[in-house]
Amino acid sequence: MSGSSNPEILNIDEAAQLLGVSVKTFNKVLHSESIPARKIGREWKFSRQALIDWVGSGSSKQFYRESAGSDAGRDALPQKRTAGWSLELD
């Protein structure tokens, strides 16, 4: 799609904009999650559709289950702290 305002291959700035986050936040997630990406030379490249599919395949329940850790036990309720308030999951 040459000349398109929605290119299929994105750089890091365009990928962050697509997901609606800052480049700094996107970069943190890039290095801690399994975002579909390729590093070509010094630059990261992203498929627009692969990013959309990656976001769509996520589950907040999976995040909270994984963050509880194996030491938490099955009956323990994991807690998350965000900006001064805590969230208890049931």
Protein backbone atom coordinates (compact mmCIF):
# COMPACT_ATOMS: atom_id res chain seq x y z
CA MET A 1 0.00 0.00 0.00
CA SER A 2 2.41 2.69 -1.09
CA GLY A 3 1.34 6.26 -0.45
CA SER A 4 -1.29 5.15 2.04
CA SER A 5 -1.93 7.11 5.22
CA ASN A 6 -2.20 3.72 7.00
CA PRO A 7 1.01 1.82 6.15
CA GLU A 8 1.12 -1.92 6.81
CA ILE A 9 4.63 -1.76 8.32
CA LEU A 10 5.09 0.68 11.20
CA ASN A 11 8.07 2.14 13.01
CA ILE A 12 8.05 2.46 16.81
CA ASP A 13 6.47 5.95 16.77
CA GLU A 14 3.64 4.82 14.49
CA ALA A 15 3.09 1.61 16.48
CA ALA A 16 2.84 3.54 19.75
CA GLN A 17 0.40 5.96 18.15
CA LEU A 18 -1.71 3.06 16.81
CA LEU A 19 -2.03 1.68 20.35
CA GLY A 20 -2.57 5.11 21.86
CA VAL A 21 0.39 5.08 24.22
CA SER A 22 3.62 7.05 24.52
CA VAL A 23 6.75 5.75 22.84
CA LYS A 24 8.30 5.36 26.30
CA THR A 25 5.41 3.14 27.47
CA PHE A 26 5.41 1.20 24.21
CA ASN A 27 9.16 0.59 24.52
CA LYS A 28 8.71 -0.79 28.06
CA VAL A 29 6.02 -3.18 26.87
CA LEU A 30 8.11 -4.13 23.83
CA HIS A 31 10.89 -5.36 26.10
CA SER A 32 8.66 -7.09 28.68
CA GLU A 33 5.90 -8.66 26.58
CA SER A 34 5.71 -10.72 23.42
CA ILE A 35 4.75 -7.94 21.01
CA PRO A 36 5.02 -9.19 17.42
CA ALA A 37 8.01 -7.27 16.05
CA ARG A 38 11.24 -7.49 14.09
CA LYS A 39 14.42 -5.57 14.66
CA ILE A 40 15.96 -4.60 11.34
CA GLY A 41 19.33 -2.96 11.85
CA ARG A 42 18.79 -0.48 14.67
CA GLU A 43 15.06 -0.06 14.14
CA TRP A 44 12.03 -2.02 15.27
CA LYS A 45 9.34 -2.73 12.66
CA PHE A 46 5.77 -3.78 13.35
CA SER A 47 2.92 -5.14 11.27
CA ARG A 48 -0.21 -3.05 11.76
CA GLN A 49 -2.46 -6.13 11.61
CA ALA A 50 -0.21 -8.19 13.91
CA LEU A 51 -0.38 -5.44 16.57
CA ILE A 52 -4.16 -5.24 16.27
CA ASP A 53 -4.42 -9.04 16.57
CA TRP A 54 -2.00 -9.04 19.55
CA VAL A 55 -4.09 -6.49 21.45
CA GLY A 56 -7.30 -8.36 20.61
CA SER A 57 -5.92 -11.66 21.88
CA GLY A 58 -5.07 -10.31 25.35
CA SER A 59 -7.08 -11.03 28.46
CA SER A 60 -7.05 -9.03 31.69
CA LYS A 61 -7.97 -12.21 33.59
CA GLN A 62 -4.77 -13.82 32.31
CA PHE A 63 -2.74 -10.82 33.50
CA TYR A 64 -4.13 -11.01 37.03
CA ARG A 65 -3.75 -14.78 37.15
CA GLU A 66 -0.09 -14.56 36.10
CA SER A 67 0.68 -11.66 38.43
CA ALA A 68 -0.55 -13.69 41.41
CA GLY A 69 2.52 -15.90 40.95
CA SER A 70 2.97 -19.52 41.87
CA ASP A 71 3.75 -18.69 45.53
CA ALA A 72 0.40 -16.97 46.07
CA GLY A 73 -1.55 -20.21 46.21
CA ARG A 74 -4.90 -20.88 44.61
CA ASP A 75 -7.00 -19.46 47.46
CA ALA A 76 -5.02 -16.24 47.88
CA LEU A 77 -6.41 -13.07 46.35
CA PRO A 78 -3.76 -11.12 44.47
CA GLN A 79 -3.61 -7.40 45.09
CA LYS A 80 -2.56 -4.71 42.65
CA ARG A 81 -1.66 -1.19 43.69
CA THR A 82 -2.28 1.66 41.31
CA ALA A 83 -1.78 5.31 42.20
CA GLY A 84 -2.61 4.95 45.88
CA TRP A 85 -5.58 2.60 45.70
CA SER A 86 -5.61 -1.18 45.89
CA LEU A 87 -7.68 -3.59 43.89
CA GLU A 88 -8.65 -6.94 45.37
CA LEU A 89 -9.65 -9.63 42.95
CA ASP A 90 -12.20 -12.27 43.73
